[in-house]
PDB file of N, CA and C in Angstrom:
ATOM      1  N   MET A   1      88.129  92.318 115.787  1.00  0.00           N
ATOM      2  CA  MET A   1      88.516  93.546 114.530  1.00  0.00           C
ATOM      3  C   MET A   1      89.735  93.450 114.597  1.00  0.00           C
ATOM      4  N   SER A   2      90.197  93.831 113.203  1.00  0.00           N
ATOM      5  CA  SER A   2      91.787  93.435 112.848  1.00  0.00           C
ATOM      6  C   SER A   2      92.334  95.603 112.801  1.00  0.00           C
ATOM      7  N   ASN A   3      93.745  95.287 113.890  1.00  0.00           N
ATOM      8  CA  ASN A   3      94.097  96.241 113.612  1.00  0.00           C
ATOM      9  C   ASN A   3      94.959  97.117 112.342  1.00  0.00           C
ATOM     10  N   GLY A   4      94.558  96.304 111.196  1.00  0.00           N
ATOM     11  CA  GLY A   4      95.388  96.321 109.940  1.00  0.00           C
ATOM     12  C   GLY A   4      96.279  95.358 109.378  1.00  0.00           C
ATOM     13  N   ILE A   5      97.294  95.357 108.519  1.00  0.00           N
ATOM     14  CA  ILE A   5      97.975  94.204 108.427  1.00  0.00           C
ATOM     15  C   ILE A   5      99.306  94.049 108.593  1.00  0.00           C
ATOM     16  N   ARG A   6      99.561  93.520 109.344  1.00  0.00           N
ATOM     17  CA  ARG A   6     101.445  93.649 109.900  1.00  0.00           C
ATOM     18  C   ARG A   6     102.069  93.303 108.210  1.00  0.00           C
ATOM     19  N   LEU A   7     103.291  94.372 108.239  1.00  0.00           N
ATOM     20  CA  LEU A   7     104.261  94.531 107.451  1.00  0.00           C
ATOM     21  C   LEU A   7     104.593  93.333 106.952  1.00  0.00           C
ATOM     22  N   SER A   8     105.014  92.579 107.776  1.00  0.00           N
ATOM     23  CA  SER A   8     105.292  91.449 107.051  1.00  0.00           C
ATOM     24  C   SER A   8     104.850  90.632 105.956  1.00  0.00           C
ATOM     25  N   GLU A   9     103.234  90.475 106.067  1.00  0.00           N
ATOM     26  CA  GLU A   9     102.454  90.150 105.366  1.00  0.00           C
ATOM     27  C   GLU A   9     102.455  90.654 103.987  1.00  0.00           C
ATOM     28  N   PHE A  10     102.816  91.835 103.804  1.00  0.00           N
ATOM     29  CA  PHE A  10     103.331  92.547 102.690  1.00  0.00           C
ATOM     30  C   PHE A  10     104.693  91.542 101.576  1.00  0.00           C
ATOM     31  N   ALA A  11     105.411  90.960 102.337  1.00  0.00           N
ATOM     32  CA  ALA A  11     106.362  90.132 101.700  1.00  0.00           C
ATOM     33  C   ALA A  11     105.712  88.819 101.233  1.00  0.00           C
ATOM     34  N   GLU A  12     104.694  88.585 102.669  1.00  0.00           N
ATOM     35  CA  GLU A  12     104.158  87.129 101.989  1.00  0.00           C
ATOM     36  C   GLU A  12     103.287  87.168 100.865  1.00  0.00           C
ATOM     37  N   ARG A  13     102.191  87.633 101.212  1.00  0.00           N
ATOM     38  CA  ARG A  13     101.532  87.699 100.070  1.00  0.00           C
ATOM     39  C   ARG A  13     101.493  88.872  98.535  1.00  0.00           C
ATOM     40  N   PRO A  14     101.809  88.000  97.965  1.00  0.00           N
ATOM     41  CA  PRO A  14     102.077  88.793  96.224  1.00  0.00           C
ATOM     42  C   PRO A  14     101.258  89.749  96.369  1.00  0.00           C
ATOM     43  N   GLU A  15      99.730  89.559  96.455  1.00  0.00           N
ATOM     44  CA  GLU A  15      98.477  90.391  95.916  1.00  0.00           C
ATOM     45  C   GLU A  15      99.064  91.766  96.336  1.00  0.00           C
ATOM     46  N   LEU A  16      99.558  91.807  97.913  1.00  0.00           N
ATOM     47  CA  LEU A  16      99.659  92.692  98.662  1.00  0.00           C
ATOM     48  C   LEU A  16     100.850  93.655  97.659  1.00  0.00           C
ATOM     49  N   GLN A  17     101.222  93.428  97.166  1.00  0.00           N
ATOM     50  CA  GLN A  17     102.985  93.856  97.035  1.00  0.00           C
ATOM     51  C   GLN A  17     102.561  95.335  96.141  1.00  0.00           C
ATOM     52  N   ARG A  18     101.224  94.847  95.366  1.00  0.00           N
ATOM     53  CA  ARG A  18     100.863  96.288  94.592  1.00  0.00           C
ATOM     54  C   ARG A  18      99.983  97.300  95.057  1.00  0.00           C
ATOM     55  N   PHE A  19      99.989  97.019  96.787  1.00  0.00           N
ATOM     56  CA  PHE A  19      98.751  97.981  97.478  1.00  0.00           C
ATOM     57  C   PHE A  19      99.457  99.346  97.656  1.00  0.00           C
ATOM     58  N   MET A  20      98.575 100.374  97.589  1.00  0.00           N
ATOM     59  CA  MET A  20      99.213 101.895  97.203  1.00  0.00           C
ATOM     60  C   MET A  20      98.270 102.761  97.512  1.00  0.00           C
ATOM     61  N   GLN A  21      98.824 104.209  97.805  1.00  0.00           N
ATOM     62  CA  GLN A  21      97.481 104.808  97.775  1.00  0.00           C
ATOM     63  C   GLN A  21      96.837 104.703  96.861  1.00  0.00           C
ATOM     64  N   GLY A  22      95.323 105.295  96.831  1.00  0.00           N
ATOM     65  CA  GLY A  22      94.597 105.627  96.079  1.00  0.00           C
ATOM     66  C   GLY A  22      93.583 104.612  95.057  1.00  0.00           C
ATOM     67  N   ILE A  23      94.652 103.120  95.275  1.00  0.00           N
ATOM     68  CA  ILE A  23      93.834 102.317  94.685  1.00  0.00           C
ATOM     69  C   ILE A  23      92.192 102.169  95.351  1.00  0.00           C
ATOM     70  N   THR A  24      91.452 101.445  94.778  1.00  0.00           N
ATOM     71  CA  THR A  24      90.016 101.594  94.813  1.00  0.00           C
ATOM     72  C   THR A  24      89.528 100.169  96.062  1.00  0.00           C
ATOM     73  N   LEU A  25      88.798 100.252  96.901  1.00  0.00           N
ATOM     74  CA  LEU A  25      88.047  99.861  97.607  1.00  0.00           C
ATOM     75  C   LEU A  25      86.634  99.736  98.103  1.00  0.00           C
ATOM     76  N   GLU A  26      86.115  98.687  98.267  1.00  0.00           N
ATOM     77  CA  GLU A  26      84.711  98.429  97.954  1.00  0.00           C
ATOM     78  C   GLU A  26      84.612  98.154 100.188  1.00  0.00           C
ATOM     79  N   LEU A  27      83.289  98.996 100.371  1.00  0.00           N
ATOM     80  CA  LEU A  27      82.710  98.963 102.077  1.00  0.00           C
ATOM     81  C   LEU A  27      82.144  97.855 101.756  1.00  0.00           C
ATOM     82  N   ARG A  28      81.836  96.835 102.348  1.00  0.00           N
ATOM     83  CA  ARG A  28      80.768  96.140 102.314  1.00  0.00           C
ATOM     84  C   ARG A  28      79.865  95.785 103.750  1.00  0.00           C
ATOM     85  N   LEU A  29      79.037  96.956 103.813  1.00  0.00           N
ATOM     86  CA  LEU A  29      78.099  96.879 105.300  1.00  0.00           C
ATOM     87  C   LEU A  29      77.413  95.264 105.597  1.00  0.00           C
ATOM     88  N   SER A  30      77.104  95.352 106.354  1.00  0.00           N
ATOM     89  CA  SER A  30      76.150  93.646 106.744  1.00  0.00           C
ATOM     90  C   SER A  30      74.913  94.044 106.437  1.00  0.00           C
ATOM     91  N   ASP A  31      74.399  95.016 105.715  1.00  0.00           N
ATOM     92  CA  ASP A  31      73.201  94.907 105.515  1.00  0.00           C
ATOM     93  C   ASP A  31      72.831  94.497 103.944  1.00  0.00           C
ATOM     94  N   GLY A  32      74.460  94.332 103.298  1.00  0.00           N
ATOM     95  CA  GLY A  32      74.675  93.885 101.732  1.00  0.00           C
ATOM     96  C   GLY A  32      74.725  94.694 100.828  1.00  0.00           C
ATOM     97  N   THR A  33      75.017  96.289 101.859  1.00  0.00           N
ATOM     98  CA  THR A  33      74.696  97.567 101.020  1.00  0.00           C
ATOM     99  C   THR A  33      76.560  97.470 100.614  1.00  0.00           C
ATOM    100  N   LYS A  34      76.825  98.049  99.286  1.00  0.00           N
ATOM    101  CA  LYS A  34      78.285  98.214  99.013  1.00  0.00           C
ATOM    102  C   LYS A  34      78.802  99.820  98.533  1.00  0.00           C
ATOM    103  N   ARG A  35      79.659 100.485  99.111  1.00  0.00           N
ATOM    104  CA  ARG A  35      80.017 101.481  98.643  1.00  0.00           C
ATOM    105  C   ARG A  35      81.317 101.746  97.929  1.00  0.00           C
ATOM    106  N   ARG A  36      81.587 102.083  96.905  1.00  0.00           N
ATOM    107  CA  ARG A  36      83.302 102.241  96.427  1.00  0.00           C
ATOM    108  C   ARG A  36      83.984 103.540  97.199  1.00  0.00           C
ATOM    109  N   THR A  37      85.106 103.219  97.582  1.00  0.00           N
ATOM    110  CA  THR A  37      86.261 104.205  97.911  1.00  0.00           C
ATOM    111  C   THR A  37      87.203 104.030  97.864  1.00  0.00           C
ATOM    112  N   HIS A  38      88.426 105.223  98.267  1.00  0.00           N
ATOM    113  CA  HIS A  38      89.860 104.498  97.744  1.00  0.00           C
ATOM    114  C   HIS A  38      90.680 104.775  99.501  1.00  0.00           C
ATOM    115  N   LEU A  39      92.013 104.477  99.119  1.00  0.00           N
ATOM    116  CA  LEU A  39      92.687 104.134  99.977  1.00  0.00           C
ATOM    117  C   LEU A  39      93.663 105.271  99.947  1.00  0.00           C
ATOM    118  N   VAL A  40      93.606 106.315 101.294  1.00  0.00           N
ATOM    119  CA  VAL A  40      93.894 107.870 101.247  1.00  0.00           C
ATOM    120  C   VAL A  40      95.120 107.883 101.562  1.00  0.00           C
ATOM    121  N   ASN A  41      95.590 106.903 102.699  1.00  0.00           N
ATOM    122  CA  ASN A  41      97.332 106.837 102.836  1.00  0.00           C
ATOM    123  C   ASN A  41      97.023 105.489 103.982  1.00  0.00           C
ATOM    124  N   TYR A  42      98.138 105.311 104.340  1.00  0.00           N
ATOM    125  CA  TYR A  42      98.573 104.153 105.514  1.00  0.00           C
ATOM    126  C   TYR A  42      99.979 104.726 105.957  1.00  0.00           C
ATOM    127  N   CYS A  43      99.630 103.936 107.046  1.00  0.00           N
ATOM    128  CA  CYS A  43     101.456 104.456 108.323  1.00  0.00           C
ATOM    129  C   CYS A  43     101.387 103.130 108.878  1.00  0.00           C
ATOM    130  N   VAL A  44     102.365 102.710 110.049  1.00  0.00           N
ATOM    131  CA  VAL A  44     103.076 101.719 110.566  1.00  0.00           C
ATOM    132  C   VAL A  44     103.002 102.945 111.751  1.00  0.00           C
ATOM    133  N   GLY A  45     102.033 102.199 112.937  1.00  0.00           N
ATOM    134  CA  GLY A  45     101.749 102.177 114.130  1.00  0.00           C
ATOM    135  C   GLY A  45     102.817 102.543 115.108  1.00  0.00           C
ATOM    136  N   THR A  46     103.051 103.373 115.859  1.00  0.00           N
ATOM    137  CA  THR A  46     104.274 103.529 116.522  1.00  0.00           C
ATOM    138  C   THR A  46     103.785 103.898 117.932  1.00  0.00           C
ATOM    139  N   THR A  47     104.518 104.371 118.959  1.00  0.00           N
ATOM    140  CA  THR A  47     104.435 104.340 120.444  1.00  0.00           C
ATOM    141  C   THR A  47     105.608 105.276 120.388  1.00  0.00           C
ATOM    142  N   ARG A  48     104.937 106.486 121.240  1.00  0.00           N
ATOM    143  CA  ARG A  48     106.109 107.433 121.606  1.00  0.00           C
ATOM    144  C   ARG A  48     106.557 107.556 123.259  1.00  0.00           C
ATOM    145  N   GLN A  49     107.690 107.214 123.220  1.00  0.00           N
ATOM    146  CA  GLN A  49     108.618 106.744 124.459  1.00  0.00           C
ATOM    147  C   GLN A  49     108.789 108.251 125.316  1.00  0.00           C
ATOM    148  N   GLU A  50     109.042 108.216 126.260  1.00  0.00           N
ATOM    149  CA  GLU A  50     109.114 109.457 127.508  1.00  0.00           C
ATOM    150  C   GLU A  50     110.506 110.227 127.596  1.00  0.00           C
ATOM    151  N   ASP A  51     111.163 109.826 126.554  1.00  0.00           N
ATOM    152  CA  ASP A  51     112.146 110.956 125.834  1.00  0.00           C
ATOM    153  C   ASP A  51     111.899 111.351 124.616  1.00  0.00           C
ATOM    154  N   GLY A  52     110.131 110.944 124.207  1.00  0.00           N
ATOM    155  CA  GLY A  52     109.633 111.958 123.060  1.00  0.00           C
ATOM    156  C   GLY A  52     109.973 111.275 121.610  1.00  0.00           C
ATOM    157  N   SER A  53     111.040 110.235 121.412  1.00  0.00           N
ATOM    158  CA  SER A  53     111.144 109.216 120.158  1.00  0.00           C
ATOM    159  C   SER A  53     110.097 108.184 119.871  1.00  0.00           C
ATOM    160  N   LEU A  54     110.174 107.845 118.983  1.00  0.00           N
ATOM    161  CA  LEU A  54     108.994 107.010 118.169  1.00  0.00           C
ATOM    162  C   LEU A  54     109.512 105.798 118.316  1.00  0.00           C
ATOM    163  N   LEU A  55     108.924 104.576 118.453  1.00  0.00           N
ATOM    164  CA  LEU A  55     108.906 103.443 118.324  1.00  0.00           C
ATOM    165  C   LEU A  55     108.105 102.707 117.839  1.00  0.00           C
ATOM    166  N   ALA A  56     108.809 101.884 116.888  1.00  0.00           N
ATOM    167  CA  ALA A  56     107.696 100.791 115.868  1.00  0.00           C
ATOM    168  C   ALA A  56     107.904  99.232 116.561  1.00  0.00           C
ATOM    169  N   GLU A  57     107.021  98.500 116.936  1.00  0.00           N
ATOM    170  CA  GLU A  57     107.462  97.078 116.891  1.00  0.00           C
ATOM    171  C   GLU A  57     107.827  96.471 115.788  1.00  0.00           C
ATOM    172  N   ASP A  58     108.592  95.374 116.313  1.00  0.00           N
ATOM    173  CA  ASP A  58     109.820  94.657 115.004  1.00  0.00           C
ATOM    174  C   ASP A  58     108.857  94.298 113.883  1.00  0.00           C
ATOM    175  N   ASP A  59     107.914  93.613 114.170  1.00  0.00           N
ATOM    176  CA  ASP A  59     106.890  93.168 112.832  1.00  0.00           C
ATOM    177  C   ASP A  59     105.272  94.275 112.898  1.00  0.00           C
ATOM    178  N   PRO A  60     104.871  95.556 112.515  1.00  0.00           N
ATOM    179  CA  PRO A  60     103.826  96.734 113.038  1.00  0.00           C
ATOM    180  C   PRO A  60     103.351  96.321 112.265  1.00  0.00           C
ATOM    181  N   PHE A  61     101.930  96.566 112.533  1.00  0.00           N
ATOM    182  CA  PHE A  61     100.546  96.940 111.424  1.00  0.00           C
ATOM    183  C   PHE A  61     100.931  97.780 110.771  1.00  0.00           C
ATOM    184  N   VAL A  62     100.330  98.131 109.777  1.00  0.00           N
ATOM    185  CA  VAL A  62     100.082  98.822 108.832  1.00  0.00           C
ATOM    186  C   VAL A  62      98.486  99.266 109.013  1.00  0.00           C
ATOM    187  N   HIS A  63      98.486 100.548 109.406  1.00  0.00           N
ATOM    188  CA  HIS A  63      96.857 101.279 109.577  1.00  0.00           C
ATOM    189  C   HIS A  63      96.353 101.772 108.127  1.00  0.00           C
ATOM    190  N   PHE A  64      95.162 101.794 107.773  1.00  0.00           N
ATOM    191  CA  PHE A  64      95.149 102.333 106.790  1.00  0.00           C
ATOM    192  C   PHE A  64      93.775 103.634 106.970  1.00  0.00           C
ATOM    193  N   LEU A  65      93.983 104.528 106.130  1.00  0.00           N
ATOM    194  CA  LEU A  65      93.329 105.793 105.950  1.00  0.00           C
ATOM    195  C   LEU A  65      92.158 105.921 105.032  1.00  0.00           C
ATOM    196  N   LEU A  66      91.001 106.106 105.064  1.00  0.00           N
ATOM    197  CA  LEU A  66      90.332 105.992 104.441  1.00  0.00           C
ATOM    198  C   LEU A  66      89.870 107.564 104.216  1.00  0.00           C
ATOM    199  N   PRO A  67      88.990 107.962 102.901  1.00  0.00           N
ATOM    200  CA  PRO A  67      88.067 109.199 103.194  1.00  0.00           C
ATOM    201  C   PRO A  67      87.566 109.979 104.648  1.00  0.00           C
ATOM    202  N   ALA A  68      88.235 111.412 104.412  1.00  0.00           N
ATOM    203  CA  ALA A  68      87.185 112.159 105.571  1.00  0.00           C
ATOM    204  C   ALA A  68      85.653 111.742 105.693  1.00  0.00           C
ATOM    205  N   GLU A  69      85.299 112.071 104.311  1.00  0.00           N
ATOM    206  CA  GLU A  69      83.836 112.048 104.160  1.00  0.00           C
ATOM    207  C   GLU A  69      83.105 111.013 104.592  1.00  0.00           C
ATOM    208  N   LEU A  70      83.792 110.146 104.910  1.00  0.00           N
ATOM    209  CA  LEU A  70      83.446 108.565 104.885  1.00  0.00           C
ATOM    210  C   LEU A  70      82.309 108.983 106.673  1.00  0.00           C
ATOM    211  N   THR A  71      81.234 108.104 107.023  1.00  0.00           N
ATOM    212  CA  THR A  71      80.609 108.949 108.545  1.00  0.00           C
ATOM    213  C   THR A  71      81.367 107.115 109.099  1.00  0.00           C
ATOM    214  N   PRO A  72      80.824 107.106 110.590  1.00  0.00           N
ATOM    215  CA  PRO A  72      81.333 106.195 111.115  1.00  0.00           C
ATOM    216  C   PRO A  72      79.918 105.069 110.766  1.00  0.00           C
ATOM    217  N   GLN A  73      78.792 105.262 110.217  1.00  0.00           N
ATOM    218  CA  GLN A  73      77.525 104.444 109.858  1.00  0.00           C
ATOM    219  C   GLN A  73      78.520 103.747 108.569  1.00  0.00           C
ATOM    220  N   ASP A  74      79.469 104.568 107.499  1.00  0.00           N
ATOM    221  CA  ASP A  74      79.768 103.865 106.755  1.00  0.00           C
ATOM    222  C   ASP A  74      80.597 102.603 106.591  1.00  0.00           C
ATOM    223  N   VAL A  75      81.484 102.540 108.021  1.00  0.00           N
ATOM    224  CA  VAL A  75      82.513 101.568 108.325  1.00  0.00           C
ATOM    225  C   VAL A  75      81.959 101.070 109.595  1.00  0.00           C
ATOM    226  N   SER A  76      81.068 101.058 109.958  1.00  0.00           N
ATOM    227  CA  SER A  76      79.938 100.553 110.643  1.00  0.00           C
ATOM    228  C   SER A  76      80.560  98.835 111.393  1.00  0.00           C
ATOM    229  N   GLU A  77      80.273  98.709 112.807  1.00  0.00           N
ATOM    230  CA  GLU A  77      80.728  97.271 113.600  1.00  0.00           C
ATOM    231  C   GLU A  77      80.436  96.206 112.252  1.00  0.00           C
ATOM    232  N   GLY A  78      81.040  95.083 111.568  1.00  0.00           N
ATOM    233  CA  GLY A  78      81.048  94.234 110.677  1.00  0.00           C
ATOM    234  C   GLY A  78      81.094  95.041 109.162  1.00  0.00           C
ATOM    235  N   THR A  79      81.358  96.063 109.089  1.00  0.00           N
ATOM    236  CA  THR A  79      81.891  96.570 107.268  1.00  0.00           C
ATOM    237  C   THR A  79      83.062  95.548 107.204  1.00  0.00           C
ATOM    238  N   GLU A  80      83.130  95.026 106.132  1.00  0.00           N
ATOM    239  CA  GLU A  80      84.250  94.353 104.688  1.00  0.00           C
ATOM    240  C   GLU A  80      84.824  95.126 104.455  1.00  0.00           C
ATOM    241  N   ILE A  81      85.887  95.458 104.099  1.00  0.00           N
ATOM    242  CA  ILE A  81      86.667  96.282 103.149  1.00  0.00           C
ATOM    243  C   ILE A  81      87.568  95.348 102.472  1.00  0.00           C
ATOM    244  N   TRP A  82      87.008  95.302 101.119  1.00  0.00           N
ATOM    245  CA  TRP A  82      87.378  94.931 100.031  1.00  0.00           C
ATOM    246  C   TRP A  82      88.158  95.598  98.793  1.00  0.00           C
ATOM    247  N   TRP A  83      89.527  95.008  98.495  1.00  0.00           N
ATOM    248  CA  TRP A  83      90.257  95.276  97.778  1.00  0.00           C
ATOM    249  C   TRP A  83      89.898  95.078  96.728  1.00  0.00           C
ATOM    250  N   LEU A  84      89.729  96.029  95.563  1.00  0.00           N
ATOM    251  CA  LEU A  84      89.595  95.196  94.200  1.00  0.00           C
ATOM    252  C   LEU A  84      89.910  95.457  92.953  1.00  0.00           C
ATOM    253  N   ASP A  85      91.420  95.655  93.522  1.00  0.00           N
ATOM    254  CA  ASP A  85      92.496  95.152  92.407  1.00  0.00           C
ATOM    255  C   ASP A  85      92.659  95.870  91.725  1.00  0.00           C
ATOM    256  N   GLU A  86      92.410  96.753  91.395  1.00  0.00           N
ATOM    257  CA  GLU A  86      92.108  97.704  89.733  1.00  0.00           C
ATOM    258  C   GLU A  86      93.408  98.807  88.938  1.00  0.00           C
ATOM    259  N   GLU A  87      94.395  98.485  89.813  1.00  0.00           N
ATOM    260  CA  GLU A  87      95.507  99.670  89.703  1.00  0.00           C
ATOM    261  C   GLU A  87      96.469  98.607  90.325  1.00  0.00           C
ATOM    262  N   PRO A  88      97.427  98.782  89.376  1.00  0.00           N
ATOM    263  CA  PRO A  88      99.399  98.729  89.631  1.00  0.00           C
ATOM    264  C   PRO A  88      99.561  99.134  90.619  1.00  0.00           C
ATOM    265  N   GLY A  89     100.534  98.472  91.590  1.00  0.00           N
ATOM    266  CA  GLY A  89     101.215  98.759  92.541  1.00  0.00           C
ATOM    267  C   GLY A  89     102.847  98.206  92.541  1.00  0.00           C
ATOM    268  N   MET A  90     103.496  98.706  93.415  1.00  0.00           N
ATOM    269  CA  MET A  90     104.670  98.077  93.920  1.00  0.00           C
ATOM    270  C   MET A  90     104.978  97.047  93.886  1.00  0.00           C
ATOM    271  N   SER A  91     105.992  96.914  93.086  1.00  0.00           N
ATOM    272  CA  SER A  91     106.600  95.504  92.193  1.00  0.00           C
ATOM    273  C   SER A  91     106.836  94.563  93.149  1.00  0.00           C
ATOM    274  N   GLN A  92     107.352  93.612  93.184  1.00  0.00           N
ATOM    275  CA  GLN A  92     107.401  92.365  94.420  1.00  0.00           C
ATOM    276  C   GLN A  92     108.941  93.129  95.021  1.00  0.00           C
ATOM    277  N   SER A  93     109.803  93.329  93.806  1.00  0.00           N
ATOM    278  CA  SER A  93     111.680  94.026  94.172  1.00  0.00           C
ATOM    279  C   SER A  93     111.419  95.340  95.027  1.00  0.00           C
ATOM    280  N   GLU A  94     110.594  96.319  94.878  1.00  0.00           N
ATOM    281  CA  GLU A  94     110.332  97.522  95.244  1.00  0.00           C
ATOM    282  C   GLU A  94     110.127  96.940  96.640  1.00  0.00           C
ATOM    283  N   VAL A  95     109.076  95.795  96.890  1.00  0.00           N
ATOM    284  CA  VAL A  95     108.661  95.404  98.382  1.00  0.00           C
ATOM    285  C   VAL A  95     109.638  94.830  98.845  1.00  0.00           C
ATOM    286  N   LYS A  96     110.182  93.974  98.516  1.00  0.00           N
ATOM    287  CA  LYS A  96     111.457  93.351  99.357  1.00  0.00           C
ATOM    288  C   LYS A  96     112.285  94.638  99.659  1.00  0.00           C
ATOM    289  N   GLN A  97     112.497  95.640  98.878  1.00  0.00           N
ATOM    290  CA  GLN A  97     113.211  96.293  99.114  1.00  0.00           C
ATOM    291  C   GLN A  97     113.052  97.641 100.322  1.00  0.00           C
ATOM    292  N   MET A  98     111.622  97.756 100.533  1.00  0.00           N
ATOM    293  CA  MET A  98     111.525  98.589 101.747  1.00  0.00           C
ATOM    294  C   MET A  98     111.411  97.698 102.852  1.00  0.00           C
ATOM    295  N   LEU A  99     111.317  96.244 102.522  1.00  0.00           N
ATOM    296  CA  LEU A  99     111.336  95.750 104.150  1.00  0.00           C
ATOM    297  C   LEU A  99     112.962  95.856 104.565  1.00  0.00           C
ATOM    298  N   ALA A 100     113.642  95.663 103.165  1.00  0.00           N
ATOM    299  CA  ALA A 100     114.996  95.236 103.961  1.00  0.00           C
ATOM    300  C   ALA A 100     115.325  96.516 104.283  1.00  0.00           C
ATOM    301  N   ASP A 101     115.247  98.241 103.852  1.00  0.00           N
ATOM    302  CA  ASP A 101     115.200  99.170 104.288  1.00  0.00           C
ATOM    303  C   ASP A 101     114.741  99.365 105.872  1.00  0.00           C
ATOM    304  N   PHE A 102     113.662  98.929 105.898  1.00  0.00           N
ATOM    305  CA  PHE A 102     112.903  98.959 107.552  1.00  0.00           C
ATOM    306  C   PHE A 102     113.845  98.382 108.501  1.00  0.00           C
ATOM    307  N   GLN A 103     114.432  97.056 107.901  1.00  0.00           N
ATOM    308  CA  GLN A 103     115.496  96.069 108.898  1.00  0.00           C
ATOM    309  C   GLN A 103     116.815  96.955 109.031  1.00  0.00           C
ATOM    310  N   GLN A 104     117.179  97.497 108.457  1.00  0.00           N
ATOM    311  CA  GLN A 104     118.077  98.418 108.216  1.00  0.00           C
ATOM    312  C   GLN A 104     118.740  99.112 109.623  1.00  0.00           C
ATOM    313  N   PRO A 105     120.015  99.135 110.412  1.00  0.00           N
ATOM    314  CA  PRO A 105     120.518  99.412 111.755  1.00  0.00           C
ATOM    315  C   PRO A 105     119.872 101.299 111.808  1.00  0.00           C
ATOM    316  N   ASP A 106     120.079 101.683 110.573  1.00  0.00           N
ATOM    317  CA  ASP A 106     119.963 103.211 110.392  1.00  0.00           C
ATOM    318  C   ASP A 106     118.597 103.501 110.648  1.00  0.00           C
ATOM    319  N   PHE A 107     117.457 102.641 109.613  1.00  0.00           N
ATOM    320  CA  PHE A 107     116.532 102.828 110.086  1.00  0.00           C
ATOM    321  C   PHE A 107     115.980 102.515 111.422  1.00  0.00           C
ATOM    322  N   GLN A 108     116.255 101.436 111.844  1.00  0.00           N
ATOM    323  CA  GLN A 108     116.256 101.525 113.636  1.00  0.00           C
ATOM    324  C   GLN A 108     116.592 102.187 114.463  1.00  0.00           C
ATOM    325  N   GLN A 109     117.541 103.175 114.246  1.00  0.00           N
ATOM    326  CA  GLN A 109     118.063 104.166 114.932  1.00  0.00           C
ATOM    327  C   GLN A 109     117.304 105.565 114.679  1.00  0.00           C
ATOM    328  N   THR A 110     116.756 105.805 113.487  1.00  0.00           N
ATOM    329  CA  THR A 110     115.901 106.477 113.269  1.00  0.00           C
ATOM    330  C   THR A 110     114.551 106.269 114.174  1.00  0.00           C
ATOM    331  N   LYS A 111     113.934 105.301 113.747  1.00  0.00           N
ATOM    332  CA  LYS A 111     112.545 105.153 114.230  1.00  0.00           C
ATOM    333  C   LYS A 111     112.752 104.821 115.441  1.00  0.00           C
ATOM    334  N   GLN A 112     113.394 104.872 116.337  1.00  0.00           N
ATOM    335  CA  GLN A 112     113.770 104.984 117.704  1.00  0.00           C
ATOM    336  C   GLN A 112     114.261 106.582 117.903  1.00  0.00           C
ATOM    337  N   SER A 113     114.742 107.046 117.997  1.00  0.00           N
ATOM    338  CA  SER A 113     115.277 108.502 118.160  1.00  0.00           C
ATOM    339  C   SER A 113     114.335 109.891 117.126  1.00  0.00           C
ATOM    340  N   GLY A 114     113.804 109.039 116.783  1.00  0.00           N
ATOM    341  CA  GLY A 114     112.634 110.344 115.368  1.00  0.00           C
ATOM    342  C   GLY A 114     113.818 111.279 114.643  1.00  0.00           C
ATOM    343  N   PRO A 115     113.006 112.110 113.997  1.00  0.00           N
ATOM    344  CA  PRO A 115     113.462 113.307 113.611  1.00  0.00           C
ATOM    345  C   PRO A 115     113.867 114.100 113.872  1.00  0.00           C
TER     346      PRO A 115
END
């Protein structure tokens, strides 16, 4: 089971460069059932340090949040989550800028020390 998508994949895979909140997703259960839903939010995984600061890996996983009304049966083991690619999203230049910002020393310091 995947933990999400690595942040670097957003730069490497052009189709992910339009991935954003609200996009249409389709859940495909192992029994063949299909259900439409949407992406509520996404985040980068961090770990809390002893001093309380948050630290992200060099190439962290981006995790996805689905709507709260989904039950464990809706996303049971074996469920595939398909992106239907119906809406526009971030441009390639916006994704490259986001990744460049993530690598900046100011961001690295912020992510290590927290807000």
